[in-house]
PDB file of all heavy atoms in Angstrom:
ATOM      1  N   GLN A   1      91.769 106.168 109.243  1.00  0.00           N
ATOM      2  CA  GLN A   1      91.544 107.584 108.922  1.00  0.00           C
ATOM      3  C   GLN A   1      92.697 108.449 109.412  1.00  0.00           C
ATOM      4  O   GLN A   1      92.523 109.604 109.779  1.00  0.00           O
ATOM      5  CB  GLN A   1      90.213 108.076 109.530  1.00  0.00           C
ATOM      6  CG  GLN A   1      89.013 107.243 109.160  1.00  0.00           C
ATOM      7  CD  GLN A   1      88.813 107.113 107.651  1.00  0.00           C
ATOM      8  OE1 GLN A   1      88.933 108.086 106.927  1.00  0.00           O
ATOM      9  NE2 GLN A   1      88.511 105.921 107.184  1.00  0.00           N
ATOM     10  N   GLY A   2      93.888 107.862 109.413  1.00  0.00           N
ATOM     11  CA  GLY A   2      95.079 108.561 109.898  1.00  0.00           C
ATOM     12  C   GLY A   2      95.503 109.681 108.969  1.00  0.00           C
ATOM     13  O   GLY A   2      95.138 109.737 107.804  1.00  0.00           O
ATOM     14  N   ALA A   3      96.321 110.562 109.506  1.00  0.00           N
ATOM     15  CA  ALA A   3      96.803 111.715 108.744  1.00  0.00           C
ATOM     16  C   ALA A   3      97.697 111.265 107.588  1.00  0.00           C
ATOM     17  O   ALA A   3      98.357 110.242 107.668  1.00  0.00           O
ATOM     18  CB  ALA A   3      97.576 112.649 109.675  1.00  0.00           C
ATOM     19  N   THR A   4      97.720 112.049 106.545  1.00  0.00           N
ATOM     20  CA  THR A   4      98.604 111.751 105.413  1.00  0.00           C
ATOM     21  C   THR A   4      99.991 112.334 105.637  1.00  0.00           C
ATOM     22  O   THR A   4     100.897 112.106 104.849  1.00  0.00           O
ATOM     23  CB  THR A   4      98.024 112.307 104.100  1.00  0.00           C
ATOM     24  OG1 THR A   4      97.825 113.712 104.256  1.00  0.00           O
ATOM     25  CG2 THR A   4      96.713 111.633 103.760  1.00  0.00           C
ATOM     26  N   THR A   5     100.163 113.089 106.689  1.00  0.00           N
ATOM     27  CA  THR A   5     101.451 113.723 106.971  1.00  0.00           C
ATOM     28  C   THR A   5     102.229 112.935 108.024  1.00  0.00           C
ATOM     29  O   THR A   5     103.011 113.497 108.775  1.00  0.00           O
ATOM     30  CB  THR A   5     101.234 115.156 107.486  1.00  0.00           C
ATOM     31  OG1 THR A   5     100.394 115.100 108.652  1.00  0.00           O
ATOM     32  CG2 THR A   5     100.595 116.020 106.430  1.00  0.00           C
ATOM     33  N   ASN A   6     102.017 111.647 108.083  1.00  0.00           N
ATOM     34  CA  ASN A   6     102.656 110.872 109.147  1.00  0.00           C
ATOM     35  C   ASN A   6     103.978 110.264 108.696  1.00  0.00           C
ATOM     36  O   ASN A   6     104.615 110.726 107.771  1.00  0.00           O
ATOM     37  CB  ASN A   6     101.686 109.821 109.705  1.00  0.00           C
ATOM     38  CG  ASN A   6     101.311 108.774 108.674  1.00  0.00           C
ATOM     39  OD1 ASN A   6     101.937 108.672 107.634  1.00  0.00           O
ATOM     40  ND2 ASN A   6     100.297 108.002 108.958  1.00  0.00           N
ATOM     41  N   ILE A   7     104.354 109.185 109.330  1.00  0.00           N
ATOM     42  CA  ILE A   7     105.677 108.573 109.190  1.00  0.00           C
ATOM     43  C   ILE A   7     105.904 107.883 107.857  1.00  0.00           C
ATOM     44  O   ILE A   7     106.995 107.387 107.613  1.00  0.00           O
ATOM     45  CB  ILE A   7     105.890 107.553 110.331  1.00  0.00           C
ATOM     46  CG1 ILE A   7     104.734 106.555 110.375  1.00  0.00           C
ATOM     47  CG2 ILE A   7     106.053 108.273 111.645  1.00  0.00           C
ATOM     48  CD1 ILE A   7     104.821 105.517 111.461  1.00  0.00           C
ATOM     49  N   ASN A   8     104.920 107.852 106.982  1.00  0.00           N
ATOM     50  CA  ASN A   8     105.049 107.074 105.760  1.00  0.00           C
ATOM     51  C   ASN A   8     105.094 107.924 104.494  1.00  0.00           C
ATOM     52  O   ASN A   8     104.681 107.488 103.432  1.00  0.00           O
ATOM     53  CB  ASN A   8     103.912 106.055 105.672  1.00  0.00           C
ATOM     54  CG  ASN A   8     103.961 105.093 106.834  1.00  0.00           C
ATOM     55  OD1 ASN A   8     104.942 104.427 107.059  1.00  0.00           O
ATOM     56  ND2 ASN A   8     102.894 105.057 107.604  1.00  0.00           N
ATOM     57  N   GLN A   9     105.596 109.144 104.590  1.00  0.00           N
ATOM     58  CA  GLN A   9     105.746 109.978 103.404  1.00  0.00           C
ATOM     59  C   GLN A   9     106.835 109.385 102.511  1.00  0.00           C
ATOM     60  O   GLN A   9     107.551 108.468 102.907  1.00  0.00           O
ATOM     61  CB  GLN A   9     106.089 111.401 103.811  1.00  0.00           C
ATOM     62  CG  GLN A   9     104.939 112.104 104.517  1.00  0.00           C
ATOM     63  CD  GLN A   9     105.307 113.518 104.916  1.00  0.00           C
ATOM     64  OE1 GLN A   9     106.443 113.807 105.258  1.00  0.00           O
ATOM     65  NE2 GLN A   9     104.334 114.408 104.863  1.00  0.00           N
ATOM     66  N   VAL A  10     106.986 109.923 101.303  1.00  0.00           N
ATOM     67  CA  VAL A  10     107.968 109.393 100.350  1.00  0.00           C
ATOM     68  C   VAL A  10     109.366 109.446 100.965  1.00  0.00           C
ATOM     69  O   VAL A  10     109.806 110.482 101.457  1.00  0.00           O
ATOM     70  CB  VAL A  10     107.936 110.183  99.025  1.00  0.00           C
ATOM     71  CG1 VAL A  10     109.023 109.687  98.082  1.00  0.00           C
ATOM     72  CG2 VAL A  10     106.566 110.066  98.366  1.00  0.00           C
ATOM     73  N   HIS A  11     110.025 108.298 100.930  1.00  0.00           N
ATOM     74  CA  HIS A  11     111.365 108.181 101.505  1.00  0.00           C
ATOM     75  C   HIS A  11     112.063 106.964 100.907  1.00  0.00           C
ATOM     76  O   HIS A  11     111.456 106.194 100.165  1.00  0.00           O
ATOM     77  CB  HIS A  11     111.298 108.052 103.033  1.00  0.00           C
ATOM     78  CG  HIS A  11     110.599 106.804 103.494  1.00  0.00           C
ATOM     79  ND1 HIS A  11     109.231 106.630 103.424  1.00  0.00           N
ATOM     80  CD2 HIS A  11     111.094 105.641 104.011  1.00  0.00           C
ATOM     81  CE1 HIS A  11     108.903 105.433 103.881  1.00  0.00           C
ATOM     82  NE2 HIS A  11     110.026 104.806 104.243  1.00  0.00           N
ATOM     83  N   MET A  12     113.325 106.781 101.228  1.00  0.00           N
ATOM     84  CA  MET A  12     114.058 105.581 100.869  1.00  0.00           C
ATOM     85  C   MET A  12     114.885 105.161 102.071  1.00  0.00           C
ATOM     86  O   MET A  12     114.974 105.900 103.055  1.00  0.00           O
ATOM     87  CB  MET A  12     114.949 105.798  99.649  1.00  0.00           C
ATOM     88  CG  MET A  12     116.054 106.792  99.853  1.00  0.00           C
ATOM     89  SD  MET A  12     117.011 106.979  98.359  1.00  0.00           S
ATOM     90  CE  MET A  12     118.618 106.566  98.950  1.00  0.00           C
ATOM     91  N   HIS A  13     115.447 103.986 102.031  1.00  0.00           N
ATOM     92  CA  HIS A  13     116.237 103.470 103.148  1.00  0.00           C
ATOM     93  C   HIS A  13     117.700 103.402 102.713  1.00  0.00           C
ATOM     94  O   HIS A  13     118.204 102.339 102.357  1.00  0.00           O
ATOM     95  CB  HIS A  13     115.730 102.096 103.569  1.00  0.00           C
ATOM     96  CG  HIS A  13     114.310 102.112 104.046  1.00  0.00           C
ATOM     97  ND1 HIS A  13     113.670 100.989 104.477  1.00  0.00           N
ATOM     98  CD2 HIS A  13     113.409 103.113 104.170  1.00  0.00           C
ATOM     99  CE1 HIS A  13     112.427 101.286 104.835  1.00  0.00           C
ATOM    100  NE2 HIS A  13     112.255 102.578 104.644  1.00  0.00           N
ATOM    101  N   ASP A  14     118.341 104.555 102.725  1.00  0.00           N
ATOM    102  CA  ASP A  14     119.720 104.626 102.245  1.00  0.00           C
ATOM    103  C   ASP A  14     120.661 103.824 103.149  1.00  0.00           C
ATOM    104  O   ASP A  14     120.338 103.501 104.276  1.00  0.00           O
ATOM    105  CB  ASP A  14     120.183 106.077 102.126  1.00  0.00           C
ATOM    106  CG  ASP A  14     120.111 106.836 103.429  1.00  0.00           C
ATOM    107  OD1 ASP A  14     119.244 106.517 104.257  1.00  0.00           O
ATOM    108  OD2 ASP A  14     120.917 107.754 103.624  1.00  0.00           O
ATOM    109  N   ARG A  15     121.814 103.503 102.585  1.00  0.00           N
ATOM    110  CA  ARG A  15     122.846 102.704 103.257  1.00  0.00           C
ATOM    111  C   ARG A  15     122.362 101.291 103.590  1.00  0.00           C
ATOM    112  O   ARG A  15     122.780 100.681 104.568  1.00  0.00           O
ATOM    113  CB  ARG A  15     123.389 103.415 104.498  1.00  0.00           C
ATOM    114  CG  ARG A  15     124.118 104.707 104.150  1.00  0.00           C
ATOM    115  CD  ARG A  15     124.737 105.361 105.343  1.00  0.00           C
ATOM    116  NE  ARG A  15     123.797 105.803 106.343  1.00  0.00           N
ATOM    117  CZ  ARG A  15     123.118 106.942 106.306  1.00  0.00           C
ATOM    118  NH1 ARG A  15     123.286 107.772 105.301  1.00  0.00           N
ATOM    119  NH2 ARG A  15     122.299 107.272 107.262  1.00  0.00           N
ATOM    120  N   ASN A  16     121.454 100.780 102.767  1.00  0.00           N
ATOM    121  CA  ASN A  16     120.968  99.401 102.863  1.00  0.00           C
ATOM    122  C   ASN A  16     120.873  98.840 101.452  1.00  0.00           C
ATOM    123  O   ASN A  16     120.874  99.587 100.476  1.00  0.00           O
ATOM    124  CB  ASN A  16     119.603  99.354 103.550  1.00  0.00           C
ATOM    125  CG  ASN A  16     119.681  99.798 104.990  1.00  0.00           C
ATOM    126  OD1 ASN A  16     120.215  99.106 105.835  1.00  0.00           O
ATOM    127  ND2 ASN A  16     119.179 100.995 105.265  1.00  0.00           N
ATOM    128  N   VAL A  17     120.750  97.516 101.361  1.00  0.00           N
ATOM    129  CA  VAL A  17     120.644  96.860 100.060  1.00  0.00           C
ATOM    130  C   VAL A  17     119.194  96.477  99.768  1.00  0.00           C
ATOM    131  O   VAL A  17     118.669  96.747  98.693  1.00  0.00           O
ATOM    132  CB  VAL A  17     121.551  95.609  99.998  1.00  0.00           C
ATOM    133  CG1 VAL A  17     121.377  94.882  98.675  1.00  0.00           C
ATOM    134  CG2 VAL A  17     123.004  95.996 100.211  1.00  0.00           C
ATOM    135  N   LEU A  18     118.537  95.846 100.738  1.00  0.00           N
ATOM    136  CA  LEU A  18     117.159  95.387 100.570  1.00  0.00           C
ATOM    137  C   LEU A  18     116.280  95.912 101.699  1.00  0.00           C
ATOM    138  O   LEU A  18     116.729  96.069 102.836  1.00  0.00           O
ATOM    139  CB  LEU A  18     117.096  93.857 100.584  1.00  0.00           C
ATOM    140  CG  LEU A  18     117.745  93.125  99.416  1.00  0.00           C
ATOM    141  CD1 LEU A  18     117.734  91.620  99.670  1.00  0.00           C
ATOM    142  CD2 LEU A  18     117.041  93.451  98.111  1.00  0.00           C
ATOM    143  N   SER A  19     115.026  96.145 101.371  1.00  0.00           N
ATOM    144  CA  SER A  19     114.023  96.493 102.365  1.00  0.00           C
ATOM    145  C   SER A  19     112.842  95.552 102.208  1.00  0.00           C
ATOM    146  O   SER A  19     112.496  95.162 101.096  1.00  0.00           O
ATOM    147  CB  SER A  19     113.562  97.945 102.195  1.00  0.00           C
ATOM    148  OG  SER A  19     114.621  98.831 102.489  1.00  0.00           O
ATOM    149  N   CYS A  20     112.260  95.183 103.334  1.00  0.00           N
ATOM    150  CA  CYS A  20     111.096  94.297 103.334  1.00  0.00           C
ATOM    151  C   CYS A  20     110.019  94.893 104.223  1.00  0.00           C
ATOM    152  O   CYS A  20     110.308  95.607 105.182  1.00  0.00           O
ATOM    153  CB  CYS A  20     111.460  92.916 103.881  1.00  0.00           C
ATOM    154  SG  CYS A  20     112.622  91.985 102.876  1.00  0.00           S
ATOM    155  N   VAL A  21     108.785  94.581 103.897  1.00  0.00           N
ATOM    156  CA  VAL A  21     107.669  94.940 104.759  1.00  0.00           C
ATOM    157  C   VAL A  21     106.742  93.731 104.847  1.00  0.00           C
ATOM    158  O   VAL A  21     106.442  93.090 103.839  1.00  0.00           O
ATOM    159  CB  VAL A  21     106.926  96.209 104.277  1.00  0.00           C
ATOM    160  CG1 VAL A  21     106.359  96.023 102.888  1.00  0.00           C
ATOM    161  CG2 VAL A  21     105.843  96.620 105.247  1.00  0.00           C
ATOM    162  N   TYR A  22     106.339  93.434 106.078  1.00  0.00           N
ATOM    163  CA  TYR A  22     105.412  92.328 106.319  1.00  0.00           C
ATOM    164  C   TYR A  22     104.135  92.913 106.911  1.00  0.00           C
ATOM    165  O   TYR A  22     104.183  93.712 107.855  1.00  0.00           O
ATOM    166  CB  TYR A  22     106.017  91.309 107.290  1.00  0.00           C
ATOM    167  CG  TYR A  22     105.052  90.210 107.626  1.00  0.00           C
ATOM    168  CD1 TYR A  22     104.757  89.223 106.695  1.00  0.00           C
ATOM    169  CD2 TYR A  22     104.387  90.180 108.858  1.00  0.00           C
ATOM    170  CE1 TYR A  22     103.843  88.224 106.983  1.00  0.00           C
ATOM    171  CE2 TYR A  22     103.469  89.186 109.147  1.00  0.00           C
ATOM    172  CZ  TYR A  22     103.195  88.211 108.206  1.00  0.00           C
ATOM    173  OH  TYR A  22     102.278  87.224 108.485  1.00  0.00           O
ATOM    174  N   TYR A  23     102.998  92.502 106.360  1.00  0.00           N
ATOM    175  CA  TYR A  23     101.712  93.003 106.835  1.00  0.00           C
ATOM    176  C   TYR A  23     101.092  92.000 107.809  1.00  0.00           C
ATOM    177  O   TYR A  23     100.624  90.938 107.405  1.00  0.00           O
ATOM    178  CB  TYR A  23     100.770  93.268 105.652  1.00  0.00           C
ATOM    179  CG  TYR A  23     101.267  94.393 104.791  1.00  0.00           C
ATOM    180  CD1 TYR A  23     101.953  94.148 103.606  1.00  0.00           C
ATOM    181  CD2 TYR A  23     101.093  95.715 105.189  1.00  0.00           C
ATOM    182  CE1 TYR A  23     102.432  95.189 102.831  1.00  0.00           C
ATOM    183  CE2 TYR A  23     101.570  96.765 104.416  1.00  0.00           C
ATOM    184  CZ  TYR A  23     102.241  96.489 103.246  1.00  0.00           C
ATOM    185  OH  TYR A  23     102.729  97.521 102.478  1.00  0.00           O
ATOM    186  N   ALA A  24     101.104  92.358 109.075  1.00  0.00           N
ATOM    187  CA  ALA A  24     100.522  91.502 110.108  1.00  0.00           C
ATOM    188  C   ALA A  24      99.018  91.730 110.236  1.00  0.00           C
ATOM    189  O   ALA A  24      98.285  90.835 110.662  1.00  0.00           O
ATOM    190  CB  ALA A  24     101.204  91.764 111.454  1.00  0.00           C
ATOM    191  N   GLN A  25      98.571  92.933 109.878  1.00  0.00           N
ATOM    192  CA  GLN A  25      97.141  93.248 109.894  1.00  0.00           C
ATOM    193  C   GLN A  25      96.873  94.269 108.796  1.00  0.00           C
ATOM    194  O   GLN A  25      97.423  95.366 108.819  1.00  0.00           O
ATOM    195  CB  GLN A  25      96.739  93.808 111.258  1.00  0.00           C
ATOM    196  CG  GLN A  25      95.261  94.125 111.389  1.00  0.00           C
ATOM    197  CD  GLN A  25      94.912  94.489 112.815  1.00  0.00           C
ATOM    198  OE1 GLN A  25      94.854  93.617 113.679  1.00  0.00           O
ATOM    199  NE2 GLN A  25      94.686  95.761 113.075  1.00  0.00           N
ATOM    200  N   ALA A  26      96.052  93.888 107.833  1.00  0.00           N
ATOM    201  CA  ALA A  26      95.769  94.768 106.697  1.00  0.00           C
ATOM    202  C   ALA A  26      94.375  94.473 106.160  1.00  0.00           C
ATOM    203  O   ALA A  26      94.062  93.340 105.833  1.00  0.00           O
ATOM    204  CB  ALA A  26      96.812  94.557 105.597  1.00  0.00           C
TER     205      ALA A  26
END
C-alpha cells in the first residue's frame, strides 16, 4: 500500500545500454 509518488515514477537509465530487474519477492 505504498505511495505512488515514490522512487519508481517514470524514468529511464541514461548513459547505459541495458537495464535488468530481478524480483526476489513479488
